[in-house]
């Protein structure tokens, strides 16, 4: 949890993917997130948070994650954007680039 807070409070945009291993749409997001990371390289941090892992419960509850996948974009400790469901790579890249 300390690492989570450290990352989202940084100067670089952090895209958090709240997911579950059993979730079909979450599995669809995996290659999309890899593509976005490949395109944006070190300009963004992508953090995956498995909602079923007990150690991850605090951010799941704190940010009211009710469905998976849920994507949230943070920078400087502020949530700038969030979305539940699959988002295509080009749209996700465009959203992140707004906050670089």
PDB file of N, CA and C in Angstrom:
ATOM      1  N   UNK A   1       0.822  -1.201   0.000  1.00  0.00           N
ATOM      2  CA  UNK A   1       0.000   0.000   0.000  1.00  0.00           C
ATOM      3  C   UNK A   1       0.862   1.261   0.000  1.00  0.00           C
ATOM      4  N   UNK A   2       1.996   1.216   0.683  1.00  0.00           N
ATOM      5  CA  UNK A   2       2.886   2.378   0.694  1.00  0.00           C
ATOM      6  C   UNK A   2       3.395   2.681  -0.715  1.00  0.00           C
ATOM      7  N   UNK A   3       3.739   1.641  -1.454  1.00  0.00           N
ATOM      8  CA  UNK A   3       4.228   1.815  -2.826  1.00  0.00           C
ATOM      9  C   UNK A   3       3.125   2.406  -3.710  1.00  0.00           C
ATOM     10  N   UNK A   4       1.884   1.948  -3.524  1.00  0.00           N
ATOM     11  CA  UNK A   4       0.739   2.478  -4.268  1.00  0.00           C
ATOM     12  C   UNK A   4       0.632   3.980  -4.030  1.00  0.00           C
ATOM     13  N   UNK A   5       0.626   4.392  -2.770  1.00  0.00           N
ATOM     14  CA  UNK A   5       0.502   5.819  -2.446  1.00  0.00           C
ATOM     15  C   UNK A   5       1.682   6.622  -2.962  1.00  0.00           C
ATOM     16  N   UNK A   6       2.873   6.053  -2.872  1.00  0.00           N
ATOM     17  CA  UNK A   6       4.075   6.736  -3.377  1.00  0.00           C
ATOM     18  C   UNK A   6       3.953   6.977  -4.880  1.00  0.00           C
ATOM     19  N   UNK A   7       3.510   5.975  -5.617  1.00  0.00           N
ATOM     20  CA  UNK A   7       3.388   6.103  -7.066  1.00  0.00           C
ATOM     21  C   UNK A   7       2.325   7.119  -7.466  1.00  0.00           C
ATOM     22  N   UNK A   8       1.124   7.040  -6.881  1.00  0.00           N
ATOM     23  CA  UNK A   8       0.046   7.937  -7.316  1.00  0.00           C
ATOM     24  C   UNK A   8       0.286   9.380  -6.893  1.00  0.00           C
ATOM     25  N   UNK A   9       1.185   9.589  -5.938  1.00  0.00           N
ATOM     26  CA  UNK A   9       1.503  10.951  -5.504  1.00  0.00           C
ATOM     27  C   UNK A   9       2.664  11.562  -6.272  1.00  0.00           C
ATOM     28  N   UNK A  10       3.223  10.838  -7.221  1.00  0.00           N
ATOM     29  CA  UNK A  10       4.360  11.328  -7.987  1.00  0.00           C
ATOM     30  C   UNK A  10       3.969  12.304  -9.086  1.00  0.00           C
ATOM     31  N   UNK A  11       4.985  12.796  -9.794  1.00  0.00           N
ATOM     32  CA  UNK A  11       4.790  13.780 -10.868  1.00  0.00           C
ATOM     33  C   UNK A  11       4.429  13.141 -12.205  1.00  0.00           C
ATOM     34  N   UNK A  12       4.624  11.838 -12.309  1.00  0.00           N
ATOM     35  CA  UNK A  12       4.352  11.121 -13.553  1.00  0.00           C
ATOM     36  C   UNK A  12       2.928  10.554 -13.496  1.00  0.00           C
ATOM     37  N   UNK A  13       2.192  10.589 -14.612  1.00  0.00           N
ATOM     38  CA  UNK A  13       0.863   9.969 -14.613  1.00  0.00           C
ATOM     39  C   UNK A  13       0.960   8.471 -14.282  1.00  0.00           C
ATOM     40  N   UNK A  14       0.024   8.007 -13.464  1.00  0.00           N
ATOM     41  CA  UNK A  14      -0.042   6.598 -13.082  1.00  0.00           C
ATOM     42  C   UNK A  14      -1.427   6.070 -13.452  1.00  0.00           C
ATOM     43  N   UNK A  15      -1.460   5.094 -14.330  1.00  0.00           N
ATOM     44  CA  UNK A  15      -2.702   4.453 -14.711  1.00  0.00           C
ATOM     45  C   UNK A  15      -2.842   3.192 -13.872  1.00  0.00           C
ATOM     46  N   UNK A  16      -3.870   3.149 -13.042  1.00  0.00           N
ATOM     47  CA  UNK A  16      -4.112   1.986 -12.189  1.00  0.00           C
ATOM     48  C   UNK A  16      -5.210   1.142 -12.822  1.00  0.00           C
ATOM     49  N   UNK A  17      -4.903  -0.127 -13.001  1.00  0.00           N
ATOM     50  CA  UNK A  17      -5.853  -1.093 -13.548  1.00  0.00           C
ATOM     51  C   UNK A  17      -6.303  -1.997 -12.406  1.00  0.00           C
ATOM     52  N   UNK A  18      -7.525  -1.764 -11.908  1.00  0.00           N
ATOM     53  CA  UNK A  18      -8.110  -2.653 -10.913  1.00  0.00           C
ATOM     54  C   UNK A  18      -8.745  -3.804 -11.685  1.00  0.00           C
ATOM     55  N   UNK A  19      -8.264  -5.027 -11.448  1.00  0.00           N
ATOM     56  CA  UNK A  19      -8.667  -6.178 -12.243  1.00  0.00           C
ATOM     57  C   UNK A  19      -8.889  -7.398 -11.362  1.00  0.00           C
ATOM     58  N   UNK A  20      -9.410  -8.456 -11.968  1.00  0.00           N
ATOM     59  CA  UNK A  20      -9.515  -9.763 -11.330  1.00  0.00           C
ATOM     60  C   UNK A  20      -9.084 -10.813 -12.349  1.00  0.00           C
ATOM     61  N   UNK A  21      -8.432 -11.851 -11.877  1.00  0.00           N
ATOM     62  CA  UNK A  21      -7.899 -12.874 -12.786  1.00  0.00           C
ATOM     63  C   UNK A  21      -8.998 -13.643 -13.503  1.00  0.00           C
ATOM     64  N   UNK A  22     -10.190 -13.715 -12.925  1.00  0.00           N
ATOM     65  CA  UNK A  22     -11.313 -14.464 -13.505  1.00  0.00           C
ATOM     66  C   UNK A  22     -12.137 -13.643 -14.497  1.00  0.00           C
ATOM     67  N   UNK A  23     -11.818 -12.367 -14.641  1.00  0.00           N
ATOM     68  CA  UNK A  23     -12.636 -11.417 -15.403  1.00  0.00           C
ATOM     69  C   UNK A  23     -12.237 -11.404 -16.884  1.00  0.00           C
ATOM     70  N   UNK A  24     -13.184 -11.745 -17.763  1.00  0.00           N
ATOM     71  CA  UNK A  24     -12.929 -11.751 -19.208  1.00  0.00           C
ATOM     72  C   UNK A  24     -12.515 -10.398 -19.760  1.00  0.00           C
ATOM     73  N   UNK A  25     -13.270  -9.313 -19.486  1.00  0.00           N
ATOM     74  CA  UNK A  25     -12.861  -7.997 -19.975  1.00  0.00           C
ATOM     75  C   UNK A  25     -11.496  -7.556 -19.433  1.00  0.00           C
ATOM     76  N   UNK A  26     -11.157  -7.998 -18.215  1.00  0.00           N
ATOM     77  CA  UNK A  26      -9.839  -7.670 -17.655  1.00  0.00           C
ATOM     78  C   UNK A  26      -8.736  -8.305 -18.494  1.00  0.00           C
ATOM     79  N   UNK A  27      -8.992  -9.529 -18.927  1.00  0.00           N
ATOM     80  CA  UNK A  27      -8.019 -10.221 -19.778  1.00  0.00           C
ATOM     81  C   UNK A  27      -7.868  -9.500 -21.114  1.00  0.00           C
ATOM     82  N   UNK A  28      -8.949  -8.902 -21.604  1.00  0.00           N
ATOM     83  CA  UNK A  28      -8.885  -8.119 -22.844  1.00  0.00           C
ATOM     84  C   UNK A  28      -8.043  -6.858 -22.662  1.00  0.00           C
ATOM     85  N   UNK A  29      -8.047  -6.293 -21.446  1.00  0.00           N
ATOM     86  CA  UNK A  29      -7.298  -5.056 -21.175  1.00  0.00           C
ATOM     87  C   UNK A  29      -5.792  -5.287 -21.156  1.00  0.00           C
ATOM     88  N   UNK A  30      -5.365  -6.493 -20.811  1.00  0.00           N
ATOM     89  CA  UNK A  30      -3.929  -6.746 -20.657  1.00  0.00           C
ATOM     90  C   UNK A  30      -3.115  -6.361 -21.896  1.00  0.00           C
ATOM     91  N   UNK A  31      -3.439  -6.861 -23.112  1.00  0.00           N
ATOM     92  CA  UNK A  31      -2.652  -6.461 -24.287  1.00  0.00           C
ATOM     93  C   UNK A  31      -2.828  -4.972 -24.632  1.00  0.00           C
ATOM     94  N   UNK A  32      -3.962  -4.408 -24.303  1.00  0.00           N
ATOM     95  CA  UNK A  32      -4.178  -2.974 -24.543  1.00  0.00           C
ATOM     96  C   UNK A  32      -3.231  -2.159 -23.670  1.00  0.00           C
ATOM     97  N   UNK A  33      -3.126  -2.537 -22.408  1.00  0.00           N
ATOM     98  CA  UNK A  33      -2.215  -1.835 -21.498  1.00  0.00           C
ATOM     99  C   UNK A  33      -0.760  -2.008 -21.927  1.00  0.00           C
ATOM    100  N   UNK A  34      -0.413  -3.189 -22.397  1.00  0.00           N
ATOM    101  CA  UNK A  34       0.949  -3.409 -22.899  1.00  0.00           C
ATOM    102  C   UNK A  34       1.237  -2.513 -24.096  1.00  0.00           C
ATOM    103  N   UNK A  35       0.264  -2.353 -24.988  1.00  0.00           N
ATOM    104  CA  UNK A  35       0.428  -1.486 -26.159  1.00  0.00           C
ATOM    105  C   UNK A  35       0.609  -0.030 -25.738  1.00  0.00           C
ATOM    106  N   UNK A  36      -0.196   0.421 -24.788  1.00  0.00           N
ATOM    107  CA  UNK A  36      -0.076   1.806 -24.304  1.00  0.00           C
ATOM    108  C   UNK A  36       1.289   2.019 -23.666  1.00  0.00           C
ATOM    109  N   UNK A  37       1.741   1.066 -22.864  1.00  0.00           N
ATOM    110  CA  UNK A  37       3.051   1.185 -22.211  1.00  0.00           C
ATOM    111  C   UNK A  37       4.160   1.228 -23.268  1.00  0.00           C
ATOM    112  N   UNK A  38       4.022   0.421 -24.304  1.00  0.00           N
ATOM    113  CA  UNK A  38       5.014   0.394 -25.385  1.00  0.00           C
ATOM    114  C   UNK A  38       5.068   1.752 -26.092  1.00  0.00           C
ATOM    115  N   UNK A  39       3.895   2.342 -26.326  1.00  0.00           N
ATOM    116  CA  UNK A  39       3.832   3.634 -27.017  1.00  0.00           C
ATOM    117  C   UNK A  39       4.361   4.784 -26.157  1.00  0.00           C
ATOM    118  N   UNK A  40       4.019   4.783 -24.870  1.00  0.00           N
ATOM    119  CA  UNK A  40       4.356   5.920 -24.003  1.00  0.00           C
ATOM    120  C   UNK A  40       5.632   5.705 -23.188  1.00  0.00           C
ATOM    121  N   UNK A  41       6.131   4.475 -23.203  1.00  0.00           N
ATOM    122  CA  UNK A  41       7.372   4.110 -22.519  1.00  0.00           C
ATOM    123  C   UNK A  41       7.392   4.593 -21.072  1.00  0.00           C
ATOM    124  N   UNK A  42       8.420   5.337 -20.689  1.00  0.00           N
ATOM    125  CA  UNK A  42       8.572   5.735 -19.282  1.00  0.00           C
ATOM    126  C   UNK A  42       7.813   7.016 -18.930  1.00  0.00           C
ATOM    127  N   UNK A  43       6.963   7.483 -19.810  1.00  0.00           N
ATOM    128  CA  UNK A  43       6.183   8.698 -19.533  1.00  0.00           C
ATOM    129  C   UNK A  43       4.971   8.410 -18.652  1.00  0.00           C
ATOM    130  N   UNK A  44       4.670   7.134 -18.458  1.00  0.00           N
ATOM    131  CA  UNK A  44       3.522   6.729 -17.643  1.00  0.00           C
ATOM    132  C   UNK A  44       3.894   5.463 -16.866  1.00  0.00           C
ATOM    133  N   UNK A  45       3.319   5.345 -15.679  1.00  0.00           N
ATOM    134  CA  UNK A  45       3.435   4.123 -14.897  1.00  0.00           C
ATOM    135  C   UNK A  45       2.093   3.415 -14.994  1.00  0.00           C
ATOM    136  N   UNK A  46       2.129   2.128 -15.290  1.00  0.00           N
ATOM    137  CA  UNK A  46       0.907   1.335 -15.295  1.00  0.00           C
ATOM    138  C   UNK A  46       0.995   0.356 -14.138  1.00  0.00           C
ATOM    139  N   UNK A  47       0.026   0.469 -13.252  1.00  0.00           N
ATOM    140  CA  UNK A  47       0.007  -0.324 -12.032  1.00  0.00           C
ATOM    141  C   UNK A  47      -1.229  -1.217 -12.045  1.00  0.00           C
ATOM    142  N   UNK A  48      -1.021  -2.508 -11.942  1.00  0.00           N
ATOM    143  CA  UNK A  48      -2.133  -3.457 -11.926  1.00  0.00           C
ATOM    144  C   UNK A  48      -2.420  -3.840 -10.480  1.00  0.00           C
ATOM    145  N   UNK A  49      -3.697  -3.768 -10.085  1.00  0.00           N
ATOM    146  CA  UNK A  49      -4.113  -4.089  -8.719  1.00  0.00           C
ATOM    147  C   UNK A  49      -5.192  -5.171  -8.784  1.00  0.00           C
ATOM    148  N   UNK A  50      -4.849  -6.362  -8.314  1.00  0.00           N
ATOM    149  CA  UNK A  50      -5.801  -7.479  -8.286  1.00  0.00           C
ATOM    150  C   UNK A  50      -6.758  -7.269  -7.114  1.00  0.00           C
ATOM    151  N   UNK A  51      -8.039  -7.063  -7.409  1.00  0.00           N
ATOM    152  CA  UNK A  51      -9.023  -6.746  -6.368  1.00  0.00           C
ATOM    153  C   UNK A  51      -9.276  -7.914  -5.421  1.00  0.00           C
ATOM    154  N   UNK A  52      -8.898  -9.129  -5.804  1.00  0.00           N
ATOM    155  CA  UNK A  52      -9.136 -10.303  -4.965  1.00  0.00           C
ATOM    156  C   UNK A  52      -8.006 -10.597  -3.990  1.00  0.00           C
ATOM    157  N   UNK A  53      -6.918  -9.855  -4.065  1.00  0.00           N
ATOM    158  CA  UNK A  53      -5.795 -10.055  -3.150  1.00  0.00           C
ATOM    159  C   UNK A  53      -6.066  -9.237  -1.883  1.00  0.00           C
ATOM    160  N   UNK A  54      -6.101  -9.901  -0.721  1.00  0.00           N
ATOM    161  CA  UNK A  54      -6.426  -9.180   0.523  1.00  0.00           C
ATOM    162  C   UNK A  54      -5.558  -7.946   0.787  1.00  0.00           C
ATOM    163  N   UNK A  55      -4.293  -7.979   0.406  1.00  0.00           N
ATOM    164  CA  UNK A  55      -3.406  -6.828   0.631  1.00  0.00           C
ATOM    165  C   UNK A  55      -3.821  -5.605  -0.181  1.00  0.00           C
ATOM    166  N   UNK A  56      -4.653  -5.794  -1.211  1.00  0.00           N
ATOM    167  CA  UNK A  56      -5.082  -4.688  -2.078  1.00  0.00           C
ATOM    168  C   UNK A  56      -6.444  -4.118  -1.696  1.00  0.00           C
ATOM    169  N   UNK A  57      -7.021  -4.578  -0.627  1.00  0.00           N
ATOM    170  CA  UNK A  57      -8.375  -4.157  -0.254  1.00  0.00           C
ATOM    171  C   UNK A  57      -8.490  -2.655   0.021  1.00  0.00           C
ATOM    172  N   UNK A  58      -7.487  -2.071   0.655  1.00  0.00           N
ATOM    173  CA  UNK A  58      -7.597  -0.655   1.019  1.00  0.00           C
ATOM    174  C   UNK A  58      -7.833   0.255  -0.184  1.00  0.00           C
ATOM    175  N   UNK A  59      -7.019   0.192  -1.257  1.00  0.00           N
ATOM    176  CA  UNK A  59      -7.311   1.080  -2.388  1.00  0.00           C
ATOM    177  C   UNK A  59      -8.624   0.721  -3.090  1.00  0.00           C
ATOM    178  N   UNK A  60      -8.992  -0.559  -3.083  1.00  0.00           N
ATOM    179  CA  UNK A  60     -10.264  -0.965  -3.695  1.00  0.00           C
ATOM    180  C   UNK A  60     -11.419  -0.278  -2.972  1.00  0.00           C
ATOM    181  N   UNK A  61     -11.391  -0.295  -1.645  1.00  0.00           N
ATOM    182  CA  UNK A  61     -12.451   0.355  -0.865  1.00  0.00           C
ATOM    183  C   UNK A  61     -12.332   1.873  -0.905  1.00  0.00           C
ATOM    184  N   UNK A  62     -11.114   2.373  -0.798  1.00  0.00           N
ATOM    185  CA  UNK A  62     -10.889   3.819  -0.772  1.00  0.00           C
ATOM    186  C   UNK A  62     -11.399   4.495  -2.045  1.00  0.00           C
ATOM    187  N   UNK A  63     -11.225   3.840  -3.183  1.00  0.00           N
ATOM    188  CA  UNK A  63     -11.624   4.431  -4.458  1.00  0.00           C
ATOM    189  C   UNK A  63     -12.938   3.846  -4.986  1.00  0.00           C
ATOM    190  N   UNK A  64     -13.648   3.132  -4.126  1.00  0.00           N
ATOM    191  CA  UNK A  64     -14.998   2.630  -4.428  1.00  0.00           C
ATOM    192  C   UNK A  64     -15.059   1.830  -5.729  1.00  0.00           C
ATOM    193  N   UNK A  65     -14.099   0.941  -5.900  1.00  0.00           N
ATOM    194  CA  UNK A  65     -14.085   0.085  -7.084  1.00  0.00           C
ATOM    195  C   UNK A  65     -15.202  -0.945  -6.937  1.00  0.00           C
ATOM    196  N   UNK A  66     -16.178  -0.892  -7.838  1.00  0.00           N
ATOM    197  CA  UNK A  66     -17.335  -1.787  -7.747  1.00  0.00           C
ATOM    198  C   UNK A  66     -17.424  -2.769  -8.901  1.00  0.00           C
ATOM    199  N   UNK A  67     -16.650  -2.538  -9.957  1.00  0.00           N
ATOM    200  CA  UNK A  67     -16.633  -3.472 -11.077  1.00  0.00           C
ATOM    201  C   UNK A  67     -15.225  -3.513 -11.650  1.00  0.00           C
ATOM    202  N   UNK A  68     -14.960  -4.583 -12.368  1.00  0.00           N
ATOM    203  CA  UNK A  68     -13.652  -4.735 -12.995  1.00  0.00           C
ATOM    204  C   UNK A  68     -13.837  -5.018 -14.476  1.00  0.00           C
ATOM    205  N   UNK A  69     -12.945  -4.531 -15.318  1.00  0.00           N
ATOM    206  CA  UNK A  69     -11.822  -3.672 -14.969  1.00  0.00           C
ATOM    207  C   UNK A  69     -12.272  -2.242 -14.695  1.00  0.00           C
ATOM    208  N   UNK A  70     -11.607  -1.620 -13.742  1.00  0.00           N
ATOM    209  CA  UNK A  70     -11.762  -0.191 -13.505  1.00  0.00           C
ATOM    210  C   UNK A  70     -10.387   0.432 -13.679  1.00  0.00           C
ATOM    211  N   UNK A  71     -10.316   1.452 -14.502  1.00  0.00           N
ATOM    212  CA  UNK A  71      -9.071   2.169 -14.748  1.00  0.00           C
ATOM    213  C   UNK A  71      -9.159   3.537 -14.093  1.00  0.00           C
ATOM    214  N   UNK A  72      -8.094   3.940 -13.422  1.00  0.00           N
ATOM    215  CA  UNK A  72      -8.011   5.268 -12.820  1.00  0.00           C
ATOM    216  C   UNK A  72      -6.665   5.873 -13.155  1.00  0.00           C
ATOM    217  N   UNK A  73      -6.673   7.152 -13.496  1.00  0.00           N
ATOM    218  CA  UNK A  73      -5.439   7.864 -13.809  1.00  0.00           C
ATOM    219  C   UNK A  73      -5.172   8.871 -12.704  1.00  0.00           C
ATOM    220  N   UNK A  74      -3.976   8.781 -12.116  1.00  0.00           N
ATOM    221  CA  UNK A  74      -3.564   9.667 -11.030  1.00  0.00           C
ATOM    222  C   UNK A  74      -2.329  10.453 -11.431  1.00  0.00           C
ATOM    223  N   UNK A  75      -2.200  11.622 -10.849  1.00  0.00           N
ATOM    224  CA  UNK A  75      -0.970  12.405 -10.955  1.00  0.00           C
ATOM    225  C   UNK A  75      -0.965  13.365  -9.775  1.00  0.00           C
ATOM    226  N   UNK A  76       0.151  13.420  -9.070  1.00  0.00           N
ATOM    227  CA  UNK A  76       0.252  14.315  -7.926  1.00  0.00           C
ATOM    228  C   UNK A  76      -0.773  14.030  -6.845  1.00  0.00           C
ATOM    229  N   UNK A  77      -1.178  12.767  -6.716  1.00  0.00           N
ATOM    230  CA  UNK A  77      -2.125  12.378  -5.686  1.00  0.00           C
ATOM    231  C   UNK A  77      -3.583  12.614  -6.029  1.00  0.00           C
ATOM    232  N   UNK A  78      -3.847  13.180  -7.199  1.00  0.00           N
ATOM    233  CA  UNK A  78      -5.230  13.464  -7.604  1.00  0.00           C
ATOM    234  C   UNK A  78      -5.689  12.469  -8.659  1.00  0.00           C
ATOM    235  N   UNK A  79      -6.910  11.984  -8.500  1.00  0.00           N
ATOM    236  CA  UNK A  79      -7.497  11.161  -9.544  1.00  0.00           C
ATOM    237  C   UNK A  79      -7.982  12.109 -10.629  1.00  0.00           C
ATOM    238  N   UNK A  80      -7.479  11.915 -11.843  1.00  0.00           N
ATOM    239  CA  UNK A  80      -7.791  12.804 -12.960  1.00  0.00           C
ATOM    240  C   UNK A  80      -8.866  12.233 -13.885  1.00  0.00           C
ATOM    241  N   UNK A  81      -8.991  10.899 -13.882  1.00  0.00           N
ATOM    242  CA  UNK A  81      -9.918  10.236 -14.797  1.00  0.00           C
ATOM    243  C   UNK A  81     -10.178   8.832 -14.278  1.00  0.00           C
ATOM    244  N   UNK A  82     -11.377   8.325 -14.495  1.00  0.00           N
ATOM    245  CA  UNK A  82     -11.642   6.918 -14.195  1.00  0.00           C
ATOM    246  C   UNK A  82     -12.708   6.384 -15.134  1.00  0.00           C
ATOM    247  N   UNK A  83     -12.663   5.071 -15.326  1.00  0.00           N
ATOM    248  CA  UNK A  83     -13.592   4.420 -16.244  1.00  0.00           C
ATOM    249  C   UNK A  83     -13.701   2.949 -15.874  1.00  0.00           C
ATOM    250  N   UNK A  84     -14.915   2.421 -15.938  1.00  0.00           N
ATOM    251  CA  UNK A  84     -15.115   0.979 -15.772  1.00  0.00           C
ATOM    252  C   UNK A  84     -15.372   0.381 -17.143  1.00  0.00           C
ATOM    253  N   UNK A  85     -14.698  -0.716 -17.423  1.00  0.00           N
ATOM    254  CA  UNK A  85     -14.857  -1.378 -18.715  1.00  0.00           C
ATOM    255  C   UNK A  85     -13.621  -1.245 -19.572  1.00  0.00           C
ATOM    256  N   UNK A  86     -13.670  -1.873 -20.720  1.00  0.00           N
ATOM    257  CA  UNK A  86     -12.541  -1.910 -21.650  1.00  0.00           C
ATOM    258  C   UNK A  86     -12.434  -0.580 -22.395  1.00  0.00           C
ATOM    259  N   UNK A  87     -11.208  -0.067 -22.488  1.00  0.00           N
ATOM    260  CA  UNK A  87     -10.922   1.160 -23.238  1.00  0.00           C
ATOM    261  C   UNK A  87      -9.861   0.799 -24.270  1.00  0.00           C
ATOM    262  N   UNK A  88     -10.064   1.221 -25.508  1.00  0.00           N
ATOM    263  CA  UNK A  88      -9.114   0.909 -26.573  1.00  0.00           C
ATOM    264  C   UNK A  88      -7.807   1.692 -26.397  1.00  0.00           C
ATOM    265  N   UNK A  89      -6.721   1.165 -26.933  1.00  0.00           N
ATOM    266  CA  UNK A  89      -5.381   1.711 -26.735  1.00  0.00           C
ATOM    267  C   UNK A  89      -5.263   3.166 -27.193  1.00  0.00           C
ATOM    268  N   UNK A  90      -5.770   3.492 -28.361  1.00  0.00           N
ATOM    269  CA  UNK A  90      -5.641   4.862 -28.884  1.00  0.00           C
ATOM    270  C   UNK A  90      -6.356   5.861 -27.983  1.00  0.00           C
ATOM    271  N   UNK A  91      -7.549   5.503 -27.518  1.00  0.00           N
ATOM    272  CA  UNK A  91      -8.302   6.397 -26.634  1.00  0.00           C
ATOM    273  C   UNK A  91      -7.590   6.545 -25.288  1.00  0.00           C
ATOM    274  N   UNK A  92      -7.086   5.450 -24.757  1.00  0.00           N
ATOM    275  CA  UNK A  92      -6.383   5.481 -23.483  1.00  0.00           C
ATOM    276  C   UNK A  92      -5.113   6.318 -23.580  1.00  0.00           C
ATOM    277  N   UNK A  93      -4.386   6.158 -24.665  1.00  0.00           N
ATOM    278  CA  UNK A  93      -3.175   6.951 -24.874  1.00  0.00           C
ATOM    279  C   UNK A  93      -3.522   8.446 -24.927  1.00  0.00           C
ATOM    280  N   UNK A  94      -4.566   8.799 -25.631  1.00  0.00           N
ATOM    281  CA  UNK A  94      -4.983  10.191 -25.743  1.00  0.00           C
ATOM    282  C   UNK A  94      -5.351  10.779 -24.377  1.00  0.00           C
ATOM    283  N   UNK A  95      -6.045   9.998 -23.560  1.00  0.00           N
ATOM    284  CA  UNK A  95      -6.423  10.455 -22.221  1.00  0.00           C
ATOM    285  C   UNK A  95      -5.182  10.695 -21.373  1.00  0.00           C
ATOM    286  N   UNK A  96      -4.261   9.752 -21.389  1.00  0.00           N
ATOM    287  CA  UNK A  96      -3.030   9.894 -20.589  1.00  0.00           C
ATOM    288  C   UNK A  96      -2.216  11.087 -21.056  1.00  0.00           C
ATOM    289  N   UNK A  97      -2.082  11.262 -22.357  1.00  0.00           N
ATOM    290  CA  UNK A  97      -1.261  12.354 -22.890  1.00  0.00           C
ATOM    291  C   UNK A  97      -1.791  13.739 -22.491  1.00  0.00           C
ATOM    292  N   UNK A  98      -3.064  13.854 -22.205  1.00  0.00           N
ATOM    293  CA  UNK A  98      -3.609  15.129 -21.726  1.00  0.00           C
ATOM    294  C   UNK A  98      -2.959  15.581 -20.432  1.00  0.00           C
ATOM    295  N   UNK A  99      -2.483  14.638 -19.629  1.00  0.00           N
ATOM    296  CA  UNK A  99      -1.991  14.939 -18.289  1.00  0.00           C
ATOM    297  C   UNK A  99      -0.480  14.807 -18.144  1.00  0.00           C
ATOM    298  N   UNK A 100       0.231  14.697 -19.266  1.00  0.00           N
ATOM    299  CA  UNK A 100       1.696  14.572 -19.194  1.00  0.00           C
ATOM    300  C   UNK A 100       2.316  15.939 -18.953  1.00  0.00           C
TER     301      UNK A 100
END
